[in-house]
């Protein structure tokens, strides 16, 4: 899972991946808010990780 891979990286590397895929933490949070089901939970967990580590 992406979250597991990002946890093993330096914070700046994780932030870089999040920026490339979602355009930033704010956009990741917006995607998590709009998502439904299991995807919503996974994106919310990833957003929480990004906020605390990036």
PDB file of N, CA and C in Angstrom:
ATOM      1  N   UNK A   1       0.845  -1.161   0.000  1.00  0.00           N
ATOM      2  CA  UNK A   1       0.000   0.000   0.000  1.00  0.00           C
ATOM      3  C   UNK A   1       0.899   1.235   0.000  1.00  0.00           C
ATOM      4  N   UNK A   2       0.439   2.281  -0.633  1.00  0.00           N
ATOM      5  CA  UNK A   2       1.233   3.505  -0.765  1.00  0.00           C
ATOM      6  C   UNK A   2       1.615   4.081   0.587  1.00  0.00           C
ATOM      7  N   UNK A   3       0.704   4.055   1.513  1.00  0.00           N
ATOM      8  CA  UNK A   3       0.990   4.616   2.840  1.00  0.00           C
ATOM      9  C   UNK A   3       2.170   3.904   3.486  1.00  0.00           C
ATOM     10  N   UNK A   4       2.222   2.595   3.369  1.00  0.00           N
ATOM     11  CA  UNK A   4       3.335   1.835   3.937  1.00  0.00           C
ATOM     12  C   UNK A   4       4.662   2.219   3.276  1.00  0.00           C
ATOM     13  N   UNK A   5       4.631   2.418   1.972  1.00  0.00           N
ATOM     14  CA  UNK A   5       5.844   2.804   1.261  1.00  0.00           C
ATOM     15  C   UNK A   5       6.294   4.207   1.661  1.00  0.00           C
ATOM     16  N   UNK A   6       5.339   5.118   1.832  1.00  0.00           N
ATOM     17  CA  UNK A   6       5.697   6.483   2.202  1.00  0.00           C
ATOM     18  C   UNK A   6       6.216   6.583   3.625  1.00  0.00           C
ATOM     19  N   UNK A   7       5.735   5.725   4.501  1.00  0.00           N
ATOM     20  CA  UNK A   7       6.225   5.731   5.893  1.00  0.00           C
ATOM     21  C   UNK A   7       7.706   5.386   5.970  1.00  0.00           C
ATOM     22  N   UNK A   8       8.184   4.608   4.997  1.00  0.00           N
ATOM     23  CA  UNK A   8       9.581   4.200   4.991  1.00  0.00           C
ATOM     24  C   UNK A   8      10.490   5.265   4.379  1.00  0.00           C
ATOM     25  N   UNK A   9       9.921   6.329   3.860  1.00  0.00           N
ATOM     26  CA  UNK A   9      10.691   7.389   3.195  1.00  0.00           C
ATOM     27  C   UNK A   9      10.898   8.589   4.103  1.00  0.00           C
ATOM     28  N   UNK A  10      11.799   9.434   3.691  1.00  0.00           N
ATOM     29  CA  UNK A  10      12.007  10.705   4.369  1.00  0.00           C
ATOM     30  C   UNK A  10      10.778  11.574   4.140  1.00  0.00           C
ATOM     31  N   UNK A  11      10.464  12.476   5.069  1.00  0.00           N
ATOM     32  CA  UNK A  11       9.280  13.326   4.905  1.00  0.00           C
ATOM     33  C   UNK A  11       9.245  14.113   3.602  1.00  0.00           C
ATOM     34  N   UNK A  12      10.387  14.628   3.163  1.00  0.00           N
ATOM     35  CA  UNK A  12      10.386  15.388   1.921  1.00  0.00           C
ATOM     36  C   UNK A  12      10.082  14.505   0.708  1.00  0.00           C
ATOM     37  N   UNK A  13      10.478  13.240   0.762  1.00  0.00           N
ATOM     38  CA  UNK A  13      10.175  12.316  -0.328  1.00  0.00           C
ATOM     39  C   UNK A  13       8.681  11.994  -0.361  1.00  0.00           C
ATOM     40  N   UNK A  14       8.087  11.792   0.804  1.00  0.00           N
ATOM     41  CA  UNK A  14       6.656  11.524   0.879  1.00  0.00           C
ATOM     42  C   UNK A  14       5.864  12.723   0.380  1.00  0.00           C
ATOM     43  N   UNK A  15       6.280  13.923   0.785  1.00  0.00           N
ATOM     44  CA  UNK A  15       5.601  15.139   0.336  1.00  0.00           C
ATOM     45  C   UNK A  15       5.695  15.287  -1.177  1.00  0.00           C
ATOM     46  N   UNK A  16       6.830  14.943  -1.738  1.00  0.00           N
ATOM     47  CA  UNK A  16       7.022  15.027  -3.186  1.00  0.00           C
ATOM     48  C   UNK A  16       6.067  14.097  -3.925  1.00  0.00           C
ATOM     49  N   UNK A  17       5.931  12.872  -3.451  1.00  0.00           N
ATOM     50  CA  UNK A  17       5.011  11.909  -4.077  1.00  0.00           C
ATOM     51  C   UNK A  17       3.577  12.415  -3.973  1.00  0.00           C
ATOM     52  N   UNK A  18       3.193  12.902  -2.816  1.00  0.00           N
ATOM     53  CA  UNK A  18       1.831  13.416  -2.629  1.00  0.00           C
ATOM     54  C   UNK A  18       1.574  14.600  -3.553  1.00  0.00           C
ATOM     55  N   UNK A  19       2.563  15.468  -3.716  1.00  0.00           N
ATOM     56  CA  UNK A  19       2.401  16.612  -4.604  1.00  0.00           C
ATOM     57  C   UNK A  19       2.252  16.167  -6.052  1.00  0.00           C
ATOM     58  N   UNK A  20       3.038  15.191  -6.483  1.00  0.00           N
ATOM     59  CA  UNK A  20       2.960  14.716  -7.865  1.00  0.00           C
ATOM     60  C   UNK A  20       1.606  14.063  -8.142  1.00  0.00           C
ATOM     61  N   UNK A  21       1.139  13.234  -7.223  1.00  0.00           N
ATOM     62  CA  UNK A  21      -0.100  12.482  -7.458  1.00  0.00           C
ATOM     63  C   UNK A  21      -1.335  13.354  -7.263  1.00  0.00           C
ATOM     64  N   UNK A  22      -1.389  14.122  -6.173  1.00  0.00           N
ATOM     65  CA  UNK A  22      -2.608  14.870  -5.828  1.00  0.00           C
ATOM     66  C   UNK A  22      -2.485  16.372  -5.997  1.00  0.00           C
ATOM     67  N   UNK A  23      -1.290  16.895  -6.159  1.00  0.00           N
ATOM     68  CA  UNK A  23      -1.122  18.334  -6.276  1.00  0.00           C
ATOM     69  C   UNK A  23      -0.956  19.029  -4.939  1.00  0.00           C
ATOM     70  N   UNK A  24      -0.793  18.275  -3.889  1.00  0.00           N
ATOM     71  CA  UNK A  24      -0.574  18.839  -2.566  1.00  0.00           C
ATOM     72  C   UNK A  24      -1.467  18.204  -1.522  1.00  0.00           C
ATOM     73  N   UNK A  25      -1.164  18.507  -0.280  1.00  0.00           N
ATOM     74  CA  UNK A  25      -1.899  17.912   0.837  1.00  0.00           C
ATOM     75  C   UNK A  25      -3.349  18.387   0.859  1.00  0.00           C
ATOM     76  N   UNK A  26      -3.569  19.663   0.534  1.00  0.00           N
ATOM     77  CA  UNK A  26      -4.937  20.199   0.551  1.00  0.00           C
ATOM     78  C   UNK A  26      -5.826  19.475  -0.458  1.00  0.00           C
ATOM     79  N   UNK A  27      -5.276  19.214  -1.621  1.00  0.00           N
ATOM     80  CA  UNK A  27      -6.062  18.508  -2.650  1.00  0.00           C
ATOM     81  C   UNK A  27      -6.279  17.043  -2.265  1.00  0.00           C
ATOM     82  N   UNK A  28      -5.313  16.450  -1.587  1.00  0.00           N
ATOM     83  CA  UNK A  28      -5.482  15.092  -1.074  1.00  0.00           C
ATOM     84  C   UNK A  28      -6.601  15.054  -0.049  1.00  0.00           C
ATOM     85  N   UNK A  29      -6.645  16.054   0.829  1.00  0.00           N
ATOM     86  CA  UNK A  29      -7.719  16.125   1.822  1.00  0.00           C
ATOM     87  C   UNK A  29      -9.079  16.282   1.136  1.00  0.00           C
ATOM     88  N   UNK A  30      -9.134  17.087   0.097  1.00  0.00           N
ATOM     89  CA  UNK A  30     -10.391  17.271  -0.639  1.00  0.00           C
ATOM     90  C   UNK A  30     -10.821  15.971  -1.299  1.00  0.00           C
ATOM     91  N   UNK A  31      -9.882  15.238  -1.868  1.00  0.00           N
ATOM     92  CA  UNK A  31     -10.194  13.957  -2.493  1.00  0.00           C
ATOM     93  C   UNK A  31     -10.700  12.963  -1.456  1.00  0.00           C
ATOM     94  N   UNK A  32     -10.103  12.984  -0.274  1.00  0.00           N
ATOM     95  CA  UNK A  32     -10.535  12.086   0.802  1.00  0.00           C
ATOM     96  C   UNK A  32     -11.952  12.431   1.240  1.00  0.00           C
ATOM     97  N   UNK A  33     -12.263  13.709   1.290  1.00  0.00           N
ATOM     98  CA  UNK A  33     -13.603  14.136   1.714  1.00  0.00           C
ATOM     99  C   UNK A  33     -14.668  13.730   0.706  1.00  0.00           C
ATOM    100  N   UNK A  34     -14.320  13.717  -0.569  1.00  0.00           N
ATOM    101  CA  UNK A  34     -15.276  13.376  -1.625  1.00  0.00           C
ATOM    102  C   UNK A  34     -15.414  11.868  -1.833  1.00  0.00           C
ATOM    103  N   UNK A  35     -14.405  11.108  -1.453  1.00  0.00           N
ATOM    104  CA  UNK A  35     -14.394   9.662  -1.696  1.00  0.00           C
ATOM    105  C   UNK A  35     -15.421   8.957  -0.814  1.00  0.00           C
ATOM    106  N   UNK A  36     -15.756   7.750  -1.222  1.00  0.00           N
ATOM    107  CA  UNK A  36     -16.722   6.934  -0.481  1.00  0.00           C
ATOM    108  C   UNK A  36     -16.135   5.553  -0.208  1.00  0.00           C
ATOM    109  N   UNK A  37     -16.645   4.942   0.818  1.00  0.00           N
ATOM    110  CA  UNK A  37     -16.268   3.567   1.131  1.00  0.00           C
ATOM    111  C   UNK A  37     -14.842   3.424   1.610  1.00  0.00           C
ATOM    112  N   UNK A  38     -14.235   2.321   1.232  1.00  0.00           N
ATOM    113  CA  UNK A  38     -12.875   2.004   1.665  1.00  0.00           C
ATOM    114  C   UNK A  38     -11.873   3.048   1.174  1.00  0.00           C
ATOM    115  N   UNK A  39     -12.105   3.575  -0.022  1.00  0.00           N
ATOM    116  CA  UNK A  39     -11.209   4.583  -0.582  1.00  0.00           C
ATOM    117  C   UNK A  39     -11.152   5.816   0.310  1.00  0.00           C
ATOM    118  N   UNK A  40     -12.287   6.225   0.837  1.00  0.00           N
ATOM    119  CA  UNK A  40     -12.337   7.393   1.711  1.00  0.00           C
ATOM    120  C   UNK A  40     -11.467   7.177   2.946  1.00  0.00           C
ATOM    121  N   UNK A  41     -11.561   6.013   3.532  1.00  0.00           N
ATOM    122  CA  UNK A  41     -10.764   5.711   4.715  1.00  0.00           C
ATOM    123  C   UNK A  41      -9.278   5.690   4.431  1.00  0.00           C
ATOM    124  N   UNK A  42      -8.900   5.099   3.313  1.00  0.00           N
ATOM    125  CA  UNK A  42      -7.488   5.029   2.960  1.00  0.00           C
ATOM    126  C   UNK A  42      -6.916   6.408   2.644  1.00  0.00           C
ATOM    127  N   UNK A  43      -7.673   7.213   1.904  1.00  0.00           N
ATOM    128  CA  UNK A  43      -7.211   8.560   1.585  1.00  0.00           C
ATOM    129  C   UNK A  43      -7.140   9.429   2.840  1.00  0.00           C
ATOM    130  N   UNK A  44      -8.103   9.277   3.723  1.00  0.00           N
ATOM    131  CA  UNK A  44      -8.077  10.038   4.974  1.00  0.00           C
ATOM    132  C   UNK A  44      -6.859   9.653   5.812  1.00  0.00           C
ATOM    133  N   UNK A  45      -6.538   8.387   5.856  1.00  0.00           N
ATOM    134  CA  UNK A  45      -5.357   7.933   6.595  1.00  0.00           C
ATOM    135  C   UNK A  45      -4.085   8.499   5.963  1.00  0.00           C
ATOM    136  N   UNK A  46      -4.022   8.494   4.645  1.00  0.00           N
ATOM    137  CA  UNK A  46      -2.872   9.054   3.946  1.00  0.00           C
ATOM    138  C   UNK A  46      -2.772  10.558   4.183  1.00  0.00           C
ATOM    139  N   UNK A  47      -3.899  11.242   4.158  1.00  0.00           N
ATOM    140  CA  UNK A  47      -3.904  12.692   4.418  1.00  0.00           C
ATOM    141  C   UNK A  47      -3.428  12.973   5.841  1.00  0.00           C
ATOM    142  N   UNK A  48      -3.876  12.184   6.793  1.00  0.00           N
ATOM    143  CA  UNK A  48      -3.426  12.348   8.177  1.00  0.00           C
ATOM    144  C   UNK A  48      -1.916  12.150   8.303  1.00  0.00           C
ATOM    145  N   UNK A  49      -1.411  11.157   7.611  1.00  0.00           N
ATOM    146  CA  UNK A  49       0.030  10.923   7.598  1.00  0.00           C
ATOM    147  C   UNK A  49       0.757  12.122   7.000  1.00  0.00           C
ATOM    148  N   UNK A  50       0.220  12.624   5.894  1.00  0.00           N
ATOM    149  CA  UNK A  50       0.873  13.739   5.207  1.00  0.00           C
ATOM    150  C   UNK A  50       0.898  14.984   6.090  1.00  0.00           C
ATOM    151  N   UNK A  51      -0.177  15.251   6.785  1.00  0.00           N
ATOM    152  CA  UNK A  51      -0.238  16.435   7.645  1.00  0.00           C
ATOM    153  C   UNK A  51       0.772  16.330   8.787  1.00  0.00           C
ATOM    154  N   UNK A  52       0.887  15.152   9.358  1.00  0.00           N
ATOM    155  CA  UNK A  52       1.772  15.006  10.506  1.00  0.00           C
ATOM    156  C   UNK A  52       3.247  14.875  10.137  1.00  0.00           C
ATOM    157  N   UNK A  53       3.545  14.530   8.883  1.00  0.00           N
ATOM    158  CA  UNK A  53       4.930  14.273   8.524  1.00  0.00           C
ATOM    159  C   UNK A  53       5.493  15.177   7.437  1.00  0.00           C
ATOM    160  N   UNK A  54       4.679  15.902   6.746  1.00  0.00           N
ATOM    161  CA  UNK A  54       5.192  16.709   5.620  1.00  0.00           C
ATOM    162  C   UNK A  54       5.171  18.182   5.935  1.00  0.00           C
TER     163      UNK A  54
END
